[in-house]
Amino acid sequence: MADADVTGTETGRGAGAVSGPAPNRRRPVPGKGHRKSKKGCVTCKTRRVKCSEERPFCRACRRLGLDCQYVPTALSLGVAPPGLLGAGPAAAALTFEDLRFFHHFLAGGHPPLPFGEGKVWRDVAAISHEYDFLAHAMMGLAAQDLTASTPSNYSVQALNHRVRAIAKMNVALSKADISAVDGDARLAAAMLLTFQSSNMEDGMMDFLRMLRGWMVIQTTVVPSMTESIFQGFTEEAYVESMRSFIGRDKPKSLTNAAESQELQQALEDFNASLRLVAPLCQSLAELRYLSSLQRVALVARESTTNACLELVPLYAMTNEMDADEFAYFTEESNLTAQILLAHFWMMSWILDSLGPSRGFAMREDTVLRWVERAAQRLPESHKRYVLWPLGIVESRG
């Protein structure tokens, strides 16, 4: 029986056959014994079926409406997938899914902002085989992005890579006297984990914490930002990135009368809701956040373009809080902060959907789920403070 297990099913089937000098050959089983497809697509390999190897979409994926992607060679990528070359800490056996994640990261699954920085992320990919936390952060973001943007669901793989990246990152951060490349690897991982959380349906508070971690690493861990490959990743660069996305030649106000009226009504409702929330704001951090939200609404009345630009520093406003303020602001028991955040995310989405930035901010489904989850966690005594943001979520179905 042991021999049968080792040699495979054919030996097992022949064990009870009548012996003879020339036994009849069995008819081949359909689908068995075909030539293995070494150049097939990732989807067919995962499904363990023969791939027709047609590009850009193989016959099986085209027939079933599946996402069809091929694993590129290291030569075509320009860099080697982590673990395939070299013997660094990230050198380990990878699955075909991991290779797909790596390919997707290079093909466009890397952080989109600031615009035009694809070369920086290719440089990051080139050193990832030396840093296991970085390799996991890359593949975690790519898996999360594929889950959000395609019919495929890699949420389990995204979470597994994220957990490993954070655990290994904590170990790396305990080491002192690091080189410039070491610092870039740590900063890159922090940025990737932040962008991944922006695609997670339950990642609102995690997003804020990762943003702050990104800032701390950039200001205290990286030996010298002037020598870093991320030296151009400044707040000004993000503002200019949005300005370029909107386009300087576009009108500063909406040209569609119906959309303009819809936006103005949304701004009136937004301000009315903020007036209701205002008495809840007691701490300095809450008052500053409220004031910033009111300013965005004020600017939006005159220029949706400028209002969109006002959002960029507001995204990282929590980074300006001291440690105690930030800890208090992000506590689950701080209901006022969660109400303010629900208003911020909803106004961000409104400006993104009705204003000139269209598609610049995070995905609609993510933002809507963040607001919905924040509202659901509030006690009945505070439900009335989120009637405006929750009403918009519910209107979207």
Protein backbone atom coordinates (compact mmCIF):
# COMPACT_ATOMS: atom_id res chain seq x y z
CA MET A 1 0.00 0.00 0.00
CA ALA A 2 2.90 2.30 0.74
CA ASP A 3 4.28 1.70 -2.73
CA ALA A 4 0.92 2.54 -4.23
CA ASP A 5 0.80 5.86 -2.34
CA VAL A 6 4.24 6.82 -3.59
CA THR A 7 3.87 5.83 -7.22
CA GLY A 8 0.44 7.37 -7.70
CA THR A 9 -3.05 6.39 -8.64
CA GLU A 10 -2.14 4.37 -11.71
CA THR A 11 -0.23 1.83 -9.61
CA GLY A 12 -3.12 1.68 -7.16
CA ARG A 13 -5.61 0.94 -9.93
CA GLY A 14 -3.43 -1.83 -11.38
CA ALA A 15 -2.90 -3.61 -8.07
CA GLY A 16 -5.91 -5.86 -8.61
CA ALA A 17 -5.43 -6.48 -12.35
CA VAL A 18 -4.97 -9.99 -13.78
CA SER A 19 -1.28 -10.63 -14.40
CA GLY A 20 -0.15 -11.46 -17.90
CA PRO A 21 2.60 -10.78 -20.35
CA ALA A 22 0.66 -8.14 -22.29
CA PRO A 23 -2.23 -6.58 -20.35
CA ASN A 24 -4.67 -4.48 -22.33
CA ARG A 25 -4.06 -0.75 -22.05
CA ARG A 26 -6.81 1.21 -20.41
CA ARG A 27 -8.49 3.97 -22.31
CA PRO A 28 -7.13 7.33 -21.31
CA VAL A 29 -9.32 9.23 -18.90
CA PRO A 30 -10.45 12.55 -20.38
CA GLY A 31 -8.43 15.40 -18.92
CA LYS A 32 -5.73 13.04 -17.58
CA GLY A 33 -2.26 12.83 -18.94
CA HIS A 34 -2.44 16.07 -20.91
CA ARG A 35 0.65 18.15 -21.40
CA LYS A 36 1.13 20.41 -18.40
CA SER A 37 0.77 24.07 -19.21
CA LYS A 38 3.86 25.81 -17.86
CA LYS A 39 2.89 29.15 -19.36
CA GLY A 40 -0.77 29.13 -18.37
CA CYS A 41 -2.55 31.92 -16.54
CA VAL A 42 -2.66 32.17 -12.75
CA THR A 43 -6.42 31.52 -12.59
CA CYS A 44 -6.21 28.21 -14.48
CA LYS A 45 -3.25 27.09 -12.38
CA THR A 46 -5.19 27.88 -9.22
CA ARG A 47 -8.24 25.98 -10.55
CA ARG A 48 -5.94 23.12 -11.66
CA VAL A 49 -7.29 23.07 -15.21
CA LYS A 50 -5.56 23.16 -18.56
CA CYS A 51 -5.00 26.66 -19.87
CA SER A 52 -5.20 27.49 -23.58
CA GLU A 53 -2.46 30.10 -22.97
CA GLU A 54 -4.18 32.64 -25.21
CA ARG A 55 -3.39 36.24 -24.38
CA PRO A 56 -4.59 38.58 -23.06
CA PHE A 57 -7.43 36.26 -21.94
CA CYS A 58 -7.33 32.48 -22.12
CA ARG A 59 -10.33 30.51 -23.41
CA ALA A 60 -11.46 29.22 -19.98
CA CYS A 61 -11.33 32.60 -18.24
CA ARG A 62 -13.07 34.27 -21.19
CA ARG A 63 -15.85 31.67 -21.14
CA LEU A 64 -16.38 31.88 -17.37
CA GLY A 65 -15.87 35.62 -17.09
CA LEU A 66 -12.92 35.22 -14.71
CA ASP A 67 -10.06 37.65 -14.14
CA CYS A 68 -7.22 36.35 -16.33
CA GLN A 69 -3.63 37.35 -15.62
CA TYR A 70 -0.29 35.79 -16.48
CA VAL A 71 2.73 35.68 -14.22
CA PRO A 72 5.47 37.68 -15.97
CA THR A 73 9.06 36.63 -16.04
CA ALA A 74 11.64 38.44 -13.93
CA LEU A 75 13.17 39.77 -17.15
CA SER A 76 9.92 41.35 -18.33
CA LEU A 77 9.38 42.98 -14.93
CA GLY A 78 12.84 44.44 -14.72
CA VAL A 79 13.16 43.15 -11.14
CA ALA A 80 12.91 39.75 -9.52
CA PRO A 81 9.93 38.74 -7.37
CA PRO A 82 10.89 38.60 -3.68
CA GLY A 83 12.30 35.26 -2.69
CA LEU A 84 13.09 34.10 -6.22
CA LEU A 85 16.51 35.67 -6.37
CA GLY A 86 18.94 36.21 -3.57
CA ALA A 87 18.94 34.68 -0.13
CA GLY A 88 17.72 37.56 1.99
CA PRO A 89 15.22 37.23 4.84
CA ALA A 90 12.31 37.37 2.39
CA ALA A 91 13.64 34.42 0.38
CA ALA A 92 10.95 31.79 0.79
CA ALA A 93 8.67 29.63 -1.31
CA LEU A 94 5.98 31.73 -2.93
CA THR A 95 2.60 30.68 -4.24
CA PHE A 96 1.33 31.60 -7.67
CA GLU A 97 -1.02 34.01 -5.91
CA ASP A 98 1.97 35.76 -4.30
CA LEU A 99 3.54 36.14 -7.73
CA ARG A 100 0.32 37.61 -9.01
CA PHE A 101 0.25 40.06 -6.10
CA PHE A 102 3.82 41.08 -6.85
CA HIS A 103 3.00 41.57 -10.52
CA HIS A 104 -0.13 43.58 -9.71
CA PHE A 105 1.89 45.81 -7.37
CA LEU A 106 4.28 46.70 -10.18
CA ALA A 107 1.55 46.98 -12.80
CA GLY A 108 -0.39 49.62 -10.84
CA GLY A 109 -1.32 48.19 -7.45
CA HIS A 110 1.23 50.40 -5.68
CA PRO A 111 0.13 53.63 -3.91
CA PRO A 112 -1.19 56.04 -6.55
CA LEU A 113 -0.13 59.23 -4.79
CA PRO A 114 1.77 61.39 -5.45
CA PHE A 115 1.25 60.89 -9.18
CA GLY A 116 4.13 59.91 -11.40
CA GLU A 117 6.15 58.11 -8.73
CA GLY A 118 5.96 54.61 -10.20
CA LYS A 119 9.76 54.44 -10.50
CA VAL A 120 10.12 54.90 -6.74
CA TRP A 121 7.87 51.91 -6.10
CA ARG A 122 9.79 49.84 -8.65
CA ASP A 123 12.93 50.70 -6.69
CA VAL A 124 11.14 49.58 -3.53
CA ALA A 125 10.22 46.29 -5.18
CA ALA A 126 13.84 45.77 -6.19
CA ILE A 127 15.01 45.75 -2.55
CA SER A 128 12.02 43.84 -1.11
CA HIS A 129 13.79 40.46 -1.24
CA GLU A 130 16.08 41.74 1.53
CA TYR A 131 13.24 42.81 3.86
CA ASP A 132 10.54 40.29 4.70
CA PHE A 133 8.27 42.93 6.28
CA LEU A 134 8.42 44.98 3.09
CA ALA A 135 7.67 42.01 0.82
CA HIS A 136 4.62 41.11 2.92
CA ALA A 137 3.43 44.75 2.97
CA MET A 138 3.70 44.93 -0.82
CA MET A 139 1.74 41.76 -1.41
CA GLY A 140 -0.81 42.65 1.27
CA LEU A 141 -1.63 45.94 -0.45
CA ALA A 142 -1.77 44.31 -3.89
CA ALA A 143 -4.08 41.55 -2.63
CA GLN A 144 -6.34 44.13 -0.98
CA ASP A 145 -6.43 46.22 -4.16
CA LEU A 146 -7.28 43.19 -6.31
CA THR A 147 -10.10 42.31 -3.92
CA ALA A 148 -11.51 45.83 -4.15
CA SER A 149 -11.10 46.28 -7.91
CA THR A 150 -11.77 42.83 -9.43
CA PRO A 151 -14.27 39.99 -8.92
CA SER A 152 -11.54 37.99 -7.17
CA ASN A 153 -11.53 37.83 -3.37
CA TYR A 154 -8.08 37.79 -1.77
CA SER A 155 -9.12 39.31 1.55
CA VAL A 156 -7.77 36.34 3.54
CA GLN A 157 -4.40 36.51 1.79
CA ALA A 158 -4.34 40.30 2.20
CA LEU A 159 -4.91 40.00 5.93
CA ASN A 160 -2.31 37.24 6.33
CA HIS A 161 0.34 39.31 4.57
CA ARG A 162 -0.65 42.36 6.63
CA VAL A 163 -0.35 40.54 9.95
CA ARG A 164 3.07 39.17 8.98
CA ALA A 165 4.25 42.56 7.76
CA ILE A 166 3.27 44.30 11.00
CA ALA A 167 4.81 41.60 13.20
CA LYS A 168 8.10 41.60 11.29
CA MET A 169 8.06 45.40 11.03
CA ASN A 170 7.91 45.72 14.82
CA VAL A 171 11.02 43.56 15.08
CA ALA A 172 12.81 45.68 12.47
CA LEU A 173 11.89 48.92 14.24
CA SER A 174 13.63 47.71 17.41
CA LYS A 175 17.00 47.82 15.63
CA ALA A 176 19.16 50.93 15.82
CA ASP A 177 21.93 52.29 13.59
CA ILE A 178 20.20 51.50 10.33
CA SER A 179 21.36 52.48 6.85
CA ALA A 180 19.55 54.77 4.42
CA VAL A 181 18.21 51.74 2.53
CA ASP A 182 17.01 50.19 5.80
CA GLY A 183 15.16 53.41 6.56
CA ASP A 184 13.56 53.51 3.13
CA ALA A 185 12.38 49.91 3.54
CA ARG A 186 10.74 50.73 6.88
CA LEU A 187 9.12 53.90 5.57
CA ALA A 188 7.90 52.13 2.43
CA ALA A 189 6.28 49.38 4.51
CA ALA A 190 4.53 51.97 6.71
CA MET A 191 3.16 53.73 3.64
CA LEU A 192 1.98 50.48 2.07
CA LEU A 193 0.22 49.40 5.26
CA THR A 194 -1.48 52.81 5.41
CA PHE A 195 -2.76 52.59 1.85
CA GLN A 196 -3.93 49.02 2.47
CA SER A 197 -6.00 50.13 5.45
CA SER A 198 -7.65 52.74 3.21
CA ASN A 199 -9.12 49.82 1.24
CA MET A 200 -10.32 47.86 4.28
CA GLU A 201 -14.01 48.09 5.17
CA ASP A 202 -13.20 48.13 8.90
CA GLY A 203 -10.00 50.14 8.59
CA MET A 204 -11.07 53.70 9.53
CA MET A 205 -9.23 53.96 12.86
CA ASP A 206 -6.46 51.71 11.60
CA PHE A 207 -5.96 54.18 8.75
CA LEU A 208 -5.43 57.05 11.22
CA ARG A 209 -3.01 55.01 13.32
CA MET A 210 -1.03 53.93 10.26
CA LEU A 211 -0.88 57.53 9.03
CA ARG A 212 0.63 58.52 12.36
CA GLY A 213 3.04 55.59 12.27
CA TRP A 214 4.10 56.69 8.80
CA MET A 215 4.86 60.18 10.16
CA VAL A 216 6.77 58.86 13.18
CA ILE A 217 8.96 56.59 11.04
CA GLN A 218 9.60 59.37 8.54
CA THR A 219 10.65 61.87 11.23
CA THR A 220 12.44 59.64 13.75
CA VAL A 221 13.55 56.42 12.05
CA VAL A 222 14.72 57.37 8.55
CA PRO A 223 18.35 58.52 8.93
CA SER A 224 18.05 61.35 6.39
CA MET A 225 15.08 62.28 4.21
CA THR A 226 17.40 64.23 1.91
CA GLU A 227 19.06 60.91 1.00
CA SER A 228 15.80 58.95 0.89
CA ILE A 229 14.09 57.83 -2.30
CA PHE A 230 10.95 59.34 -0.71
CA GLN A 231 12.39 62.83 -0.32
CA GLY A 232 9.79 64.17 -2.77
CA PHE A 233 6.83 62.69 -0.87
CA THR A 234 5.86 65.89 0.96
CA GLU A 235 2.48 67.41 1.81
CA GLU A 236 3.12 69.97 -0.92
CA ALA A 237 3.66 67.12 -3.38
CA TYR A 238 0.32 65.58 -2.47
CA VAL A 239 -1.43 68.95 -2.89
CA GLU A 240 0.23 69.47 -6.26
CA SER A 241 -0.69 65.91 -7.19
CA MET A 242 -4.37 66.66 -6.63
CA ARG A 243 -4.03 69.99 -8.44
CA SER A 244 -2.57 68.20 -11.46
CA PHE A 245 -5.30 65.56 -11.29
CA ILE A 246 -8.02 68.20 -11.30
CA GLY A 247 -6.32 70.22 -14.02
CA ARG A 248 -5.55 73.91 -13.87
CA ASP A 249 -7.54 74.58 -17.02
CA LYS A 250 -10.76 73.19 -15.57
CA PRO A 251 -13.38 75.62 -14.22
CA LYS A 252 -13.34 76.18 -10.50
CA SER A 253 -17.08 75.71 -10.23
CA LEU A 254 -19.37 73.01 -11.48
CA THR A 255 -20.69 73.50 -14.98
CA ASN A 256 -23.60 71.11 -14.57
CA ALA A 257 -26.47 73.09 -13.03
CA ALA A 258 -28.11 70.03 -11.48
CA GLU A 259 -24.88 68.90 -9.86
CA SER A 260 -24.13 72.42 -8.67
CA GLN A 261 -27.52 72.64 -7.00
CA GLU A 262 -27.03 69.19 -5.46
CA LEU A 263 -23.65 70.22 -4.04
CA GLN A 264 -24.97 73.48 -2.60
CA GLN A 265 -27.80 71.62 -0.89
CA ALA A 266 -25.32 69.09 0.49
CA LEU A 267 -23.16 71.92 1.86
CA GLU A 268 -26.15 73.50 3.59
CA ASP A 269 -27.11 70.17 5.16
CA PHE A 270 -23.48 69.55 6.11
CA ASN A 271 -23.22 72.89 7.92
CA ALA A 272 -26.53 72.34 9.69
CA SER A 273 -25.33 68.95 10.89
CA LEU A 274 -22.03 70.42 12.11
CA ARG A 275 -23.95 73.05 14.11
CA LEU A 276 -25.78 70.20 15.82
CA VAL A 277 -22.48 68.43 16.57
CA ALA A 278 -20.60 71.54 17.74
CA PRO A 279 -21.73 71.44 21.41
CA LEU A 280 -20.26 67.93 21.70
CA CYS A 281 -16.76 69.17 20.87
CA GLN A 282 -14.89 69.91 24.09
CA SER A 283 -11.22 69.04 23.59
CA LEU A 284 -8.85 71.23 21.61
CA ALA A 285 -8.36 68.49 19.02
CA GLU A 286 -12.10 68.12 18.48
CA LEU A 287 -12.58 71.87 18.15
CA ARG A 288 -9.76 72.13 15.61
CA TYR A 289 -11.19 69.26 13.59
CA LEU A 290 -14.64 70.86 13.62
CA SER A 291 -13.19 74.19 12.52
CA SER A 292 -11.35 72.54 9.63
CA LEU A 293 -14.53 70.84 8.45
CA GLN A 294 -16.40 74.14 8.55
CA ARG A 295 -13.65 75.78 6.51
CA VAL A 296 -13.85 73.08 3.80
CA ALA A 297 -17.59 73.73 3.47
CA LEU A 298 -17.00 77.49 3.32
CA VAL A 299 -14.35 77.20 0.60
CA ALA A 300 -16.50 74.74 -1.38
CA ARG A 301 -19.21 77.38 -1.83
CA GLU A 302 -16.81 79.46 -3.88
CA SER A 303 -14.52 76.86 -5.42
CA THR A 304 -14.85 73.09 -5.38
CA THR A 305 -11.28 72.88 -6.67
CA ASN A 306 -9.88 74.75 -3.67
CA ALA A 307 -12.10 72.75 -1.34
CA CYS A 308 -10.59 69.55 -2.70
CA LEU A 309 -7.12 70.96 -2.09
CA GLU A 310 -8.14 71.81 1.49
CA LEU A 311 -8.83 68.11 2.06
CA VAL A 312 -5.21 67.03 1.57
CA PRO A 313 -3.78 68.41 4.85
CA LEU A 314 -7.01 67.50 6.63
CA TYR A 315 -6.38 63.81 5.85
CA ALA A 316 -3.33 63.90 8.11
CA MET A 317 -4.60 66.45 10.63
CA THR A 318 -4.46 63.83 13.38
CA ASN A 319 -0.67 63.72 12.88
CA GLU A 320 -0.48 67.24 14.32
CA MET A 321 -1.99 66.13 17.62
CA ASP A 322 0.32 65.32 20.50
CA ALA A 323 0.44 61.74 21.80
CA ASP A 324 -2.23 62.25 24.45
CA GLU A 325 -4.58 64.08 22.09
CA PHE A 326 -4.21 61.41 19.45
CA ALA A 327 -4.77 58.56 21.93
CA TYR A 328 -7.95 60.24 23.19
CA PHE A 329 -9.20 61.15 19.69
CA THR A 330 -8.86 57.56 18.41
CA GLU A 331 -10.35 55.82 21.45
CA GLU A 332 -13.47 53.80 20.68
CA SER A 333 -15.17 55.52 23.60
CA ASN A 334 -14.66 58.96 21.99
CA LEU A 335 -18.03 59.21 20.28
CA THR A 336 -17.52 62.84 19.27
CA ALA A 337 -14.40 62.00 17.24
CA GLN A 338 -16.22 59.21 15.42
CA ILE A 339 -19.08 61.58 14.58
CA LEU A 340 -16.62 64.18 13.25
CA LEU A 341 -14.84 61.54 11.18
CA ALA A 342 -18.15 60.36 9.71
CA HIS A 343 -18.78 63.94 8.56
CA PHE A 344 -15.27 64.27 7.15
CA TRP A 345 -15.44 61.07 5.12
CA MET A 346 -18.88 61.90 3.78
CA MET A 347 -17.85 65.42 2.73
CA SER A 348 -14.71 63.96 1.12
CA TRP A 349 -16.88 61.58 -0.86
CA ILE A 350 -19.30 64.34 -1.90
CA LEU A 351 -16.50 66.55 -3.21
CA ASP A 352 -14.96 63.54 -4.91
CA SER A 353 -18.20 62.49 -6.60
CA LEU A 354 -19.65 65.91 -7.48
CA GLY A 355 -16.57 68.10 -7.61
CA PRO A 356 -13.73 68.28 -10.16
CA SER A 357 -11.54 65.69 -8.46
CA ARG A 358 -13.84 62.79 -9.46
CA GLY A 359 -12.11 59.57 -8.49
CA PHE A 360 -9.15 61.08 -6.66
CA ALA A 361 -10.10 60.02 -3.13
CA MET A 362 -10.62 56.55 -1.75
CA ARG A 363 -13.12 54.10 -3.17
CA GLU A 364 -16.76 54.93 -2.69
CA ASP A 365 -17.69 51.58 -1.13
CA THR A 366 -14.90 51.86 1.45
CA VAL A 367 -15.87 55.36 2.59
CA LEU A 368 -19.57 54.50 2.74
CA ARG A 369 -18.87 51.40 4.82
CA TRP A 370 -16.67 53.40 7.22
CA VAL A 371 -19.45 55.91 7.83
CA GLU A 372 -22.05 53.17 8.17
CA ARG A 373 -19.97 51.19 10.68
CA ALA A 374 -19.18 54.31 12.71
CA ALA A 375 -22.89 55.14 12.91
CA GLN A 376 -23.82 51.60 13.91
CA ARG A 377 -21.43 51.69 16.86
CA LEU A 378 -23.01 54.81 18.33
CA PRO A 379 -25.52 54.47 21.19
CA GLU A 380 -29.09 55.56 20.58
CA SER A 381 -28.42 58.84 22.41
CA HIS A 382 -25.97 59.87 19.66
CA LYS A 383 -27.71 58.54 16.53
CA ARG A 384 -29.19 61.94 15.73
CA TYR A 385 -25.72 63.43 15.26
CA VAL A 386 -25.05 61.23 12.22
CA LEU A 387 -28.43 61.51 10.51
CA TRP A 388 -26.89 63.56 7.70
CA PRO A 389 -23.90 61.30 6.81
CA LEU A 390 -25.90 58.12 7.37
CA GLY A 391 -28.75 59.44 5.24
CA ILE A 392 -26.39 59.84 2.27
CA VAL A 393 -25.03 56.31 2.77
CA GLU A 394 -28.55 54.87 2.82
CA SER A 395 -29.50 56.86 -0.29
CA ARG A 396 -26.67 55.12 -2.12
CA GLY A 397 -28.25 51.75 -1.34
